[in-house]
């Protein structure tokens, strides 16, 4: 199974990217699935003018991104909270691709503040529904992200590992259950 983590912060010194790095390592250690990160900072997507309906119909500049989006079986959306919502950069990236029917989504928000981006989770739930995705009910909300993860994506706060374990276990169970057996090979 191909899992893409979409790191949604466009900021160069993003602290939420630390969580994406950690989750990539964690999922690689706890599953046999292919896990990669799509970093919105690496794709200079214009404002939505045209939906990329296939790899072939995608402009050459974005074909590597399209290949990964179409090949993904599950997505983890990792975003800070911007004015009570997730980032416009993440929304713009997802808007460039058609509905993600029957693909599993996990929601992760992070913030240096005490709420961990909780308000952003609400909008992200609506986004996943609009994409026709299958949402894991377990979300990972990370308050004090700069104290829980270092710049290399290492967990600093071992007490937080239980939250990660539950989130990852439930996400993987759902993604593996949604993906038909014959497609898992």
N, C-alpha and C. Protein backbone atom coordinates (compact mmCIF):
# COMPACT_ATOMS: atom_id res chain seq x y z
N UNK A 1 0.85 -1.17 0.00
CA UNK A 1 0.00 0.00 0.00
C UNK A 1 0.90 1.24 0.00
N UNK A 2 0.49 2.27 -0.73
CA UNK A 2 1.23 3.54 -0.77
C UNK A 2 0.53 4.56 0.12
N UNK A 3 1.26 5.07 1.09
CA UNK A 3 0.74 6.11 1.99
C UNK A 3 1.51 7.38 1.73
N UNK A 4 0.80 8.45 1.44
CA UNK A 4 1.42 9.77 1.25
C UNK A 4 1.04 10.67 2.42
N UNK A 5 2.05 11.23 3.04
CA UNK A 5 1.85 12.21 4.09
C UNK A 5 1.95 13.58 3.41
N UNK A 6 0.89 14.36 3.48
CA UNK A 6 0.94 15.70 2.88
C UNK A 6 1.25 16.69 3.99
N UNK A 7 2.48 17.23 3.93
CA UNK A 7 2.92 18.24 4.89
C UNK A 7 2.43 19.59 4.37
N UNK A 8 1.46 20.16 5.05
CA UNK A 8 0.72 21.30 4.51
C UNK A 8 1.22 22.68 4.86
N UNK A 9 2.28 22.81 5.62
CA UNK A 9 2.74 24.15 5.98
C UNK A 9 3.70 24.69 4.92
N UNK A 10 3.42 25.90 4.41
CA UNK A 10 4.32 26.50 3.42
C UNK A 10 5.50 27.25 4.06
N UNK A 11 5.52 27.32 5.37
CA UNK A 11 6.59 28.07 6.06
C UNK A 11 7.91 27.30 6.02
N UNK A 12 9.00 28.02 5.74
CA UNK A 12 10.31 27.39 5.65
C UNK A 12 10.74 26.75 6.98
N UNK A 13 10.42 27.36 8.09
CA UNK A 13 10.80 26.83 9.40
C UNK A 13 9.61 26.13 10.07
N UNK A 14 8.86 25.40 9.30
CA UNK A 14 7.65 24.73 9.78
C UNK A 14 7.94 23.77 10.93
N UNK A 15 7.24 23.95 12.04
CA UNK A 15 7.36 22.99 13.15
C UNK A 15 6.43 21.80 12.94
N UNK A 16 5.39 21.96 12.12
CA UNK A 16 4.51 20.82 11.86
C UNK A 16 5.19 19.79 10.96
N UNK A 17 6.17 20.21 10.17
CA UNK A 17 6.90 19.27 9.32
C UNK A 17 7.62 18.21 10.17
N UNK A 18 7.96 18.59 11.39
CA UNK A 18 8.59 17.64 12.31
C UNK A 18 7.70 16.42 12.53
N UNK A 19 6.41 16.66 12.63
CA UNK A 19 5.46 15.57 12.85
C UNK A 19 5.38 14.68 11.61
N UNK A 20 5.39 15.30 10.43
CA UNK A 20 5.38 14.51 9.19
C UNK A 20 6.60 13.61 9.12
N UNK A 21 7.77 14.14 9.45
CA UNK A 21 9.00 13.33 9.46
C UNK A 21 8.89 12.16 10.43
N UNK A 22 8.39 12.46 11.63
CA UNK A 22 8.24 11.42 12.64
C UNK A 22 7.28 10.33 12.16
N UNK A 23 6.12 10.73 11.62
CA UNK A 23 5.13 9.76 11.18
C UNK A 23 5.65 8.88 10.04
N UNK A 24 6.43 9.45 9.16
CA UNK A 24 7.02 8.65 8.08
C UNK A 24 7.89 7.54 8.69
N UNK A 25 8.78 7.91 9.58
CA UNK A 25 9.66 6.92 10.21
C UNK A 25 8.84 5.89 11.00
N UNK A 26 7.86 6.38 11.74
CA UNK A 26 7.04 5.51 12.58
C UNK A 26 6.29 4.48 11.73
N UNK A 27 5.63 4.94 10.68
CA UNK A 27 4.85 4.03 9.84
C UNK A 27 5.74 3.04 9.09
N UNK A 28 6.92 3.47 8.70
CA UNK A 28 7.86 2.55 8.05
C UNK A 28 8.32 1.46 9.03
N UNK A 29 8.47 1.82 10.30
CA UNK A 29 8.90 0.85 11.30
C UNK A 29 7.79 -0.10 11.73
N UNK A 30 6.53 0.38 11.64
CA UNK A 30 5.41 -0.41 12.16
C UNK A 30 4.52 -1.01 11.07
N UNK A 31 4.94 -0.93 9.82
CA UNK A 31 4.17 -1.54 8.73
C UNK A 31 5.12 -1.87 7.59
N UNK A 32 4.59 -2.59 6.62
CA UNK A 32 5.39 -2.93 5.44
C UNK A 32 5.03 -2.03 4.26
N UNK A 33 4.26 -0.99 4.52
CA UNK A 33 3.78 -0.11 3.46
C UNK A 33 4.85 0.90 3.03
N UNK A 34 4.69 1.42 1.82
CA UNK A 34 5.56 2.48 1.31
C UNK A 34 5.00 3.81 1.82
N UNK A 35 5.85 4.59 2.47
CA UNK A 35 5.41 5.86 3.07
C UNK A 35 6.31 6.97 2.56
N UNK A 36 5.69 8.03 2.03
CA UNK A 36 6.43 9.19 1.54
C UNK A 36 5.78 10.47 2.00
N UNK A 37 6.52 11.56 1.86
CA UNK A 37 6.00 12.88 2.23
C UNK A 37 5.89 13.75 0.99
N UNK A 38 4.72 14.32 0.79
CA UNK A 38 4.52 15.36 -0.21
C UNK A 38 4.55 16.67 0.57
N UNK A 39 5.56 17.47 0.32
CA UNK A 39 5.76 18.74 1.03
C UNK A 39 5.27 19.87 0.13
N UNK A 40 4.26 20.60 0.59
CA UNK A 40 3.71 21.68 -0.25
C UNK A 40 4.77 22.72 -0.62
N UNK A 41 5.83 22.81 0.16
CA UNK A 41 6.90 23.78 -0.12
C UNK A 41 7.68 23.40 -1.38
N UNK A 42 7.59 22.15 -1.80
CA UNK A 42 8.33 21.69 -2.97
C UNK A 42 7.57 21.83 -4.28
N UNK A 43 6.30 22.20 -4.20
CA UNK A 43 5.47 22.30 -5.40
C UNK A 43 4.88 23.69 -5.51
N UNK A 44 5.30 24.44 -6.49
CA UNK A 44 4.81 25.79 -6.70
C UNK A 44 3.55 25.74 -7.57
N UNK A 45 2.49 25.20 -7.00
CA UNK A 45 1.24 25.06 -7.75
C UNK A 45 0.56 26.42 -7.89
N UNK A 46 0.08 26.73 -9.08
CA UNK A 46 -0.68 27.99 -9.23
C UNK A 46 -2.04 27.84 -8.56
N UNK A 47 -2.73 28.94 -8.42
CA UNK A 47 -4.11 28.84 -7.94
C UNK A 47 -4.87 27.97 -8.93
N UNK A 48 -5.84 27.26 -8.45
CA UNK A 48 -6.54 26.28 -9.26
C UNK A 48 -7.16 26.90 -10.50
N UNK A 49 -6.74 26.36 -11.63
CA UNK A 49 -7.31 26.74 -12.92
C UNK A 49 -7.80 25.50 -13.65
N UNK A 50 -7.13 24.35 -13.36
CA UNK A 50 -7.43 23.13 -14.06
C UNK A 50 -7.17 21.94 -13.14
N UNK A 51 -8.11 21.02 -13.06
CA UNK A 51 -7.92 19.81 -12.27
C UNK A 51 -7.14 18.81 -13.12
N UNK A 52 -6.15 18.18 -12.50
CA UNK A 52 -5.33 17.18 -13.19
C UNK A 52 -6.06 15.84 -13.08
N UNK A 53 -6.73 15.42 -14.15
CA UNK A 53 -7.58 14.24 -14.11
C UNK A 53 -6.84 12.92 -14.31
N UNK A 54 -5.61 12.99 -14.75
CA UNK A 54 -4.77 11.81 -14.93
C UNK A 54 -3.32 12.27 -14.97
N UNK A 55 -2.40 11.34 -14.87
CA UNK A 55 -0.98 11.69 -14.98
C UNK A 55 -0.72 12.28 -16.36
N UNK A 56 -1.29 11.66 -17.38
CA UNK A 56 -1.08 12.12 -18.75
C UNK A 56 -1.63 13.53 -18.98
N UNK A 57 -2.70 13.89 -18.29
CA UNK A 57 -3.33 15.20 -18.47
C UNK A 57 -2.71 16.27 -17.56
N UNK A 58 -1.64 15.92 -16.88
CA UNK A 58 -0.97 16.84 -15.95
C UNK A 58 0.21 17.51 -16.65
N UNK A 59 0.40 18.81 -16.46
CA UNK A 59 1.58 19.46 -17.05
C UNK A 59 2.86 18.77 -16.58
N UNK A 60 3.85 18.72 -17.45
CA UNK A 60 5.10 18.00 -17.18
C UNK A 60 5.71 18.35 -15.83
N UNK A 61 5.67 19.61 -15.45
CA UNK A 61 6.26 20.06 -14.19
C UNK A 61 5.67 19.32 -12.98
N UNK A 62 4.40 18.98 -13.08
CA UNK A 62 3.70 18.38 -11.94
C UNK A 62 3.44 16.88 -12.09
N UNK A 63 3.95 16.27 -13.16
CA UNK A 63 3.71 14.83 -13.36
C UNK A 63 4.26 13.97 -12.23
N UNK A 64 5.44 14.26 -11.67
CA UNK A 64 5.90 13.44 -10.53
C UNK A 64 4.92 13.50 -9.35
N UNK A 65 4.36 14.67 -9.11
CA UNK A 65 3.36 14.82 -8.04
C UNK A 65 2.09 14.05 -8.40
N UNK A 66 1.65 14.17 -9.63
CA UNK A 66 0.43 13.47 -10.06
C UNK A 66 0.59 11.96 -9.93
N UNK A 67 1.75 11.45 -10.29
CA UNK A 67 1.99 10.00 -10.17
C UNK A 67 1.82 9.55 -8.72
N UNK A 68 2.32 10.34 -7.80
CA UNK A 68 2.21 9.98 -6.38
C UNK A 68 0.77 10.12 -5.87
N UNK A 69 0.09 11.16 -6.29
CA UNK A 69 -1.29 11.36 -5.84
C UNK A 69 -2.20 10.24 -6.35
N UNK A 70 -2.06 9.88 -7.62
CA UNK A 70 -2.91 8.83 -8.18
C UNK A 70 -2.55 7.45 -7.65
N UNK A 71 -1.30 7.23 -7.29
CA UNK A 71 -0.86 5.93 -6.78
C UNK A 71 -1.14 5.75 -5.29
N UNK A 72 -1.44 6.82 -4.60
CA UNK A 72 -1.65 6.73 -3.14
C UNK A 72 -2.92 5.95 -2.81
N UNK A 73 -2.80 5.13 -1.79
CA UNK A 73 -3.95 4.40 -1.26
C UNK A 73 -4.51 5.08 -0.02
N UNK A 74 -3.66 5.85 0.64
CA UNK A 74 -4.06 6.55 1.86
C UNK A 74 -3.24 7.83 1.98
N UNK A 75 -3.84 8.80 2.65
CA UNK A 75 -3.19 10.09 2.88
C UNK A 75 -3.24 10.44 4.36
N UNK A 76 -2.17 11.06 4.84
CA UNK A 76 -2.18 11.70 6.15
C UNK A 76 -2.03 13.19 5.87
N UNK A 77 -2.98 13.97 6.31
CA UNK A 77 -2.93 15.41 6.12
C UNK A 77 -2.37 16.03 7.40
N UNK A 78 -1.23 16.68 7.29
CA UNK A 78 -0.55 17.28 8.44
C UNK A 78 -0.55 18.79 8.24
N UNK A 79 -1.20 19.51 9.14
CA UNK A 79 -1.32 20.96 8.96
C UNK A 79 -1.26 21.70 10.29
N UNK A 80 -0.68 22.90 10.25
CA UNK A 80 -0.85 23.80 11.39
C UNK A 80 -2.24 24.44 11.28
N UNK A 81 -2.56 25.24 12.25
CA UNK A 81 -3.83 25.98 12.20
C UNK A 81 -3.55 27.41 11.75
N UNK A 82 -4.24 27.81 10.70
CA UNK A 82 -4.15 29.19 10.20
C UNK A 82 -5.53 29.82 10.36
N UNK A 83 -5.66 30.76 11.26
CA UNK A 83 -6.92 31.46 11.47
C UNK A 83 -8.12 30.51 11.60
N UNK A 84 -7.94 29.46 12.40
CA UNK A 84 -9.03 28.53 12.67
C UNK A 84 -9.23 27.48 11.60
N UNK A 85 -8.30 27.35 10.65
CA UNK A 85 -8.46 26.37 9.58
C UNK A 85 -7.11 25.75 9.23
N UNK A 86 -7.12 24.84 8.29
CA UNK A 86 -5.89 24.26 7.76
C UNK A 86 -5.31 25.22 6.72
N UNK A 87 -4.15 24.90 6.17
CA UNK A 87 -3.48 25.85 5.29
C UNK A 87 -4.09 25.91 3.89
N UNK A 88 -4.13 27.10 3.32
CA UNK A 88 -4.58 27.24 1.93
C UNK A 88 -3.67 26.47 0.96
N UNK A 89 -2.40 26.34 1.28
CA UNK A 89 -1.47 25.62 0.40
C UNK A 89 -1.88 24.15 0.27
N UNK A 90 -2.31 23.54 1.38
CA UNK A 90 -2.76 22.15 1.33
C UNK A 90 -4.04 22.04 0.51
N UNK A 91 -4.96 22.95 0.74
CA UNK A 91 -6.22 22.94 0.00
C UNK A 91 -5.96 23.09 -1.49
N UNK A 92 -5.07 24.00 -1.86
CA UNK A 92 -4.75 24.21 -3.27
C UNK A 92 -4.16 22.95 -3.89
N UNK A 93 -3.27 22.28 -3.18
CA UNK A 93 -2.69 21.05 -3.71
C UNK A 93 -3.79 20.01 -3.94
N UNK A 94 -4.61 19.77 -2.96
CA UNK A 94 -5.66 18.76 -3.09
C UNK A 94 -6.69 19.13 -4.15
N UNK A 95 -6.95 20.42 -4.32
CA UNK A 95 -7.92 20.86 -5.33
C UNK A 95 -7.46 20.55 -6.75
N UNK A 96 -6.17 20.40 -6.97
CA UNK A 96 -5.66 20.14 -8.31
C UNK A 96 -5.90 18.70 -8.78
N UNK A 97 -6.42 17.86 -7.90
CA UNK A 97 -6.64 16.46 -8.24
C UNK A 97 -8.11 16.11 -8.04
N UNK A 98 -8.59 15.11 -8.80
CA UNK A 98 -10.01 14.75 -8.66
C UNK A 98 -10.30 14.11 -7.31
N UNK A 99 -11.55 13.78 -7.12
CA UNK A 99 -11.97 13.16 -5.87
C UNK A 99 -11.11 11.94 -5.55
N UNK A 100 -10.88 11.72 -4.28
CA UNK A 100 -10.04 10.62 -3.81
C UNK A 100 -10.94 9.51 -3.24
N UNK A 101 -11.87 9.06 -4.04
CA UNK A 101 -12.87 8.08 -3.62
C UNK A 101 -12.23 6.83 -3.02
N UNK A 102 -12.75 6.45 -1.87
CA UNK A 102 -12.37 5.23 -1.17
C UNK A 102 -10.93 5.19 -0.70
N UNK A 103 -10.29 6.33 -0.65
CA UNK A 103 -8.93 6.38 -0.09
C UNK A 103 -9.05 6.82 1.36
N UNK A 104 -8.26 6.21 2.21
CA UNK A 104 -8.29 6.52 3.64
C UNK A 104 -7.50 7.78 3.92
N UNK A 105 -8.02 8.58 4.84
CA UNK A 105 -7.37 9.81 5.26
C UNK A 105 -7.22 9.82 6.78
N UNK A 106 -6.08 10.29 7.22
CA UNK A 106 -5.85 10.56 8.63
C UNK A 106 -5.57 12.04 8.77
N UNK A 107 -6.07 12.63 9.83
CA UNK A 107 -5.90 14.06 10.09
C UNK A 107 -4.93 14.26 11.24
N UNK A 108 -3.94 15.13 10.99
CA UNK A 108 -2.96 15.48 12.00
C UNK A 108 -2.83 16.99 12.00
N UNK A 109 -2.98 17.59 13.17
CA UNK A 109 -2.74 19.03 13.30
C UNK A 109 -1.71 19.24 14.40
N UNK A 110 -0.99 20.34 14.28
CA UNK A 110 0.05 20.61 15.26
C UNK A 110 0.24 22.11 15.41
N UNK A 111 0.58 22.50 16.62
CA UNK A 111 0.77 23.91 16.91
C UNK A 111 1.65 24.04 18.15
N UNK A 112 2.45 25.10 18.21
CA UNK A 112 3.19 25.35 19.44
C UNK A 112 2.26 25.70 20.61
N UNK A 113 1.05 26.13 20.29
CA UNK A 113 0.08 26.51 21.31
C UNK A 113 -0.56 25.31 21.99
N UNK A 114 -1.38 25.59 22.97
CA UNK A 114 -1.99 24.57 23.81
C UNK A 114 -3.13 23.79 23.17
N UNK A 115 -3.70 24.30 22.08
CA UNK A 115 -4.82 23.60 21.45
C UNK A 115 -4.39 22.67 20.33
N UNK A 116 -3.17 22.80 19.85
CA UNK A 116 -2.64 21.87 18.86
C UNK A 116 -3.28 21.92 17.49
N UNK A 117 -3.97 23.00 17.18
CA UNK A 117 -4.63 23.09 15.88
C UNK A 117 -6.00 22.44 15.84
N UNK A 118 -6.62 22.30 17.00
CA UNK A 118 -7.91 21.62 17.11
C UNK A 118 -8.97 22.19 16.16
N UNK A 119 -9.01 23.50 16.00
CA UNK A 119 -10.03 24.09 15.11
C UNK A 119 -9.78 23.70 13.65
N UNK A 120 -8.54 23.49 13.28
CA UNK A 120 -8.23 23.08 11.90
C UNK A 120 -8.80 21.70 11.59
N UNK A 121 -8.90 20.84 12.60
CA UNK A 121 -9.42 19.49 12.36
C UNK A 121 -10.85 19.54 11.84
N UNK A 122 -11.61 20.52 12.28
CA UNK A 122 -13.01 20.61 11.85
C UNK A 122 -13.12 20.83 10.35
N UNK A 123 -12.35 21.77 9.84
CA UNK A 123 -12.37 22.03 8.40
C UNK A 123 -11.79 20.87 7.60
N UNK A 124 -10.79 20.21 8.17
CA UNK A 124 -10.17 19.08 7.46
C UNK A 124 -11.14 17.90 7.35
N UNK A 125 -12.00 17.72 8.35
CA UNK A 125 -13.01 16.67 8.27
C UNK A 125 -13.98 16.94 7.11
N UNK A 126 -14.36 18.20 6.96
CA UNK A 126 -15.24 18.57 5.85
C UNK A 126 -14.53 18.39 4.51
N UNK A 127 -13.25 18.71 4.47
CA UNK A 127 -12.46 18.55 3.25
C UNK A 127 -12.41 17.08 2.82
N UNK A 128 -12.12 16.19 3.75
CA UNK A 128 -12.04 14.76 3.42
C UNK A 128 -13.38 14.26 2.89
N UNK A 129 -14.46 14.68 3.51
CA UNK A 129 -15.80 14.28 3.03
C UNK A 129 -16.04 14.80 1.61
N UNK A 130 -15.63 16.02 1.34
CA UNK A 130 -15.81 16.59 0.00
C UNK A 130 -14.96 15.87 -1.04
N UNK A 131 -13.84 15.29 -0.62
CA UNK A 131 -12.97 14.53 -1.53
C UNK A 131 -13.45 13.08 -1.72
N UNK A 132 -14.54 12.70 -1.02
CA UNK A 132 -15.07 11.34 -1.02
C UNK A 132 -14.08 10.36 -0.39
N UNK A 133 -13.25 10.87 0.52
CA UNK A 133 -12.31 10.02 1.23
C UNK A 133 -12.97 9.33 2.40
N UNK A 134 -12.29 8.34 2.93
CA UNK A 134 -12.75 7.60 4.10
C UNK A 134 -11.90 8.08 5.27
N UNK A 135 -12.52 8.75 6.21
CA UNK A 135 -11.81 9.41 7.30
C UNK A 135 -11.67 8.50 8.52
N UNK A 136 -10.45 8.38 9.00
CA UNK A 136 -10.23 7.69 10.27
C UNK A 136 -10.77 8.57 11.38
N UNK A 137 -11.59 8.03 12.27
CA UNK A 137 -12.14 8.86 13.35
C UNK A 137 -11.09 9.26 14.38
N UNK A 138 -9.96 8.59 14.38
CA UNK A 138 -8.90 8.95 15.31
C UNK A 138 -8.02 10.01 14.67
N UNK A 139 -7.95 11.16 15.30
CA UNK A 139 -7.10 12.24 14.80
C UNK A 139 -5.93 12.40 15.75
N UNK A 140 -4.85 12.94 15.23
CA UNK A 140 -3.68 13.21 16.06
C UNK A 140 -3.54 14.72 16.17
N UNK A 141 -3.84 15.24 17.34
CA UNK A 141 -3.74 16.68 17.62
C UNK A 141 -2.52 16.87 18.51
N UNK A 142 -1.60 17.73 18.06
CA UNK A 142 -0.31 17.87 18.74
C UNK A 142 -0.13 19.28 19.29
N UNK A 143 -0.53 19.52 20.54
CA UNK A 143 -0.23 20.81 21.16
C UNK A 143 1.25 20.84 21.58
N UNK A 144 1.83 22.02 21.63
CA UNK A 144 3.23 22.13 22.04
C UNK A 144 4.15 21.33 21.16
N UNK A 145 3.90 21.37 19.85
CA UNK A 145 4.65 20.55 18.91
C UNK A 145 6.15 20.78 18.99
N UNK A 146 6.56 22.00 19.25
CA UNK A 146 7.99 22.32 19.32
C UNK A 146 8.65 21.70 20.55
N UNK A 147 7.87 21.26 21.53
CA UNK A 147 8.38 20.59 22.72
C UNK A 147 8.27 19.07 22.61
N UNK A 148 7.44 18.59 21.68
CA UNK A 148 7.22 17.15 21.52
C UNK A 148 8.13 16.53 20.47
N UNK A 149 8.54 17.31 19.46
CA UNK A 149 9.36 16.80 18.37
C UNK A 149 10.51 17.75 18.09
N UNK A 150 11.69 17.19 17.82
CA UNK A 150 12.81 18.04 17.44
C UNK A 150 12.79 18.28 15.93
N UNK A 151 13.72 19.08 15.43
CA UNK A 151 13.74 19.47 14.02
C UNK A 151 13.94 18.28 13.08
N UNK A 152 14.51 17.18 13.56
CA UNK A 152 14.72 16.00 12.73
C UNK A 152 13.55 15.02 12.80
N UNK A 153 12.49 15.39 13.51
CA UNK A 153 11.32 14.53 13.60
C UNK A 153 11.43 13.43 14.64
N UNK A 154 12.24 13.65 15.65
CA UNK A 154 12.35 12.69 16.76
C UNK A 154 11.40 13.08 17.88
N UNK A 155 10.75 12.10 18.46
CA UNK A 155 9.84 12.35 19.57
C UNK A 155 10.63 12.67 20.83
N UNK A 156 10.33 13.82 21.41
CA UNK A 156 11.00 14.26 22.64
C UNK A 156 10.19 13.94 23.88
N UNK A 157 8.89 13.83 23.74
CA UNK A 157 7.98 13.63 24.86
C UNK A 157 7.40 12.21 24.78
N UNK A 158 8.03 11.27 25.49
CA UNK A 158 7.61 9.87 25.43
C UNK A 158 6.16 9.66 25.87
N UNK A 159 5.65 10.54 26.71
CA UNK A 159 4.26 10.41 27.15
C UNK A 159 3.28 10.56 25.98
N UNK A 160 3.73 11.20 24.90
CA UNK A 160 2.88 11.40 23.73
C UNK A 160 2.84 10.17 22.83
N UNK A 161 3.71 9.21 23.06
CA UNK A 161 3.79 8.04 22.18
C UNK A 161 2.49 7.23 22.17
N UNK A 162 1.76 7.20 23.28
CA UNK A 162 0.49 6.47 23.31
C UNK A 162 -0.51 7.06 22.33
N UNK A 163 -0.58 8.37 22.25
CA UNK A 163 -1.48 9.02 21.29
C UNK A 163 -1.10 8.65 19.85
N UNK A 164 0.20 8.65 19.58
CA UNK A 164 0.68 8.28 18.24
C UNK A 164 0.33 6.83 17.94
N UNK A 165 0.57 5.95 18.90
CA UNK A 165 0.30 4.52 18.70
C UNK A 165 -1.17 4.27 18.35
N UNK A 166 -2.07 4.88 19.09
CA UNK A 166 -3.51 4.68 18.84
C UNK A 166 -3.87 5.24 17.47
N UNK A 167 -3.41 6.44 17.17
CA UNK A 167 -3.71 7.06 15.86
C UNK A 167 -3.22 6.16 14.73
N UNK A 168 -1.97 5.74 14.78
CA UNK A 168 -1.37 4.95 13.69
C UNK A 168 -2.03 3.58 13.56
N UNK A 169 -2.28 2.93 14.68
CA UNK A 169 -2.90 1.61 14.66
C UNK A 169 -4.28 1.67 13.99
N UNK A 170 -5.07 2.64 14.37
CA UNK A 170 -6.42 2.77 13.81
C UNK A 170 -6.39 3.19 12.34
N UNK A 171 -5.48 4.09 11.99
CA UNK A 171 -5.35 4.51 10.60
C UNK A 171 -4.96 3.32 9.71
N UNK A 172 -3.96 2.56 10.13
CA UNK A 172 -3.52 1.42 9.34
C UNK A 172 -4.61 0.35 9.24
N UNK A 173 -5.31 0.10 10.34
CA UNK A 173 -6.40 -0.87 10.29
C UNK A 173 -7.44 -0.44 9.26
N UNK A 174 -7.84 0.82 9.29
CA UNK A 174 -8.85 1.31 8.36
C UNK A 174 -8.35 1.25 6.92
N UNK A 175 -7.15 1.73 6.68
CA UNK A 175 -6.61 1.74 5.31
C UNK A 175 -6.49 0.33 4.75
N UNK A 176 -6.06 -0.60 5.57
CA UNK A 176 -5.94 -1.98 5.12
C UNK A 176 -7.30 -2.62 4.92
N UNK A 177 -8.30 -2.21 5.70
CA UNK A 177 -9.65 -2.75 5.56
C UNK A 177 -10.36 -2.19 4.34
N UNK A 178 -10.13 -0.94 4.03
CA UNK A 178 -10.78 -0.30 2.89
C UNK A 178 -10.19 -0.81 1.58
N UNK A 179 -8.91 -1.07 1.56
CA UNK A 179 -8.23 -1.54 0.35
C UNK A 179 -8.57 -3.01 0.15
N UNK A 180 -9.19 -3.37 -0.97
CA UNK A 180 -9.55 -4.77 -1.21
C UNK A 180 -8.33 -5.68 -1.19
N UNK A 181 -8.53 -6.91 -0.73
CA UNK A 181 -7.44 -7.89 -0.58
C UNK A 181 -6.61 -8.04 -1.85
N UNK A 182 -7.26 -8.14 -2.99
CA UNK A 182 -6.51 -8.39 -4.22
C UNK A 182 -5.64 -7.22 -4.63
N UNK A 183 -5.91 -6.05 -4.07
CA UNK A 183 -5.08 -4.88 -4.39
C UNK A 183 -3.91 -4.72 -3.42
N UNK A 184 -3.88 -5.46 -2.33
CA UNK A 184 -2.81 -5.32 -1.35
C UNK A 184 -1.50 -5.96 -1.81
N UNK A 185 -1.57 -6.86 -2.74
CA UNK A 185 -0.36 -7.56 -3.20
C UNK A 185 0.63 -6.66 -3.89
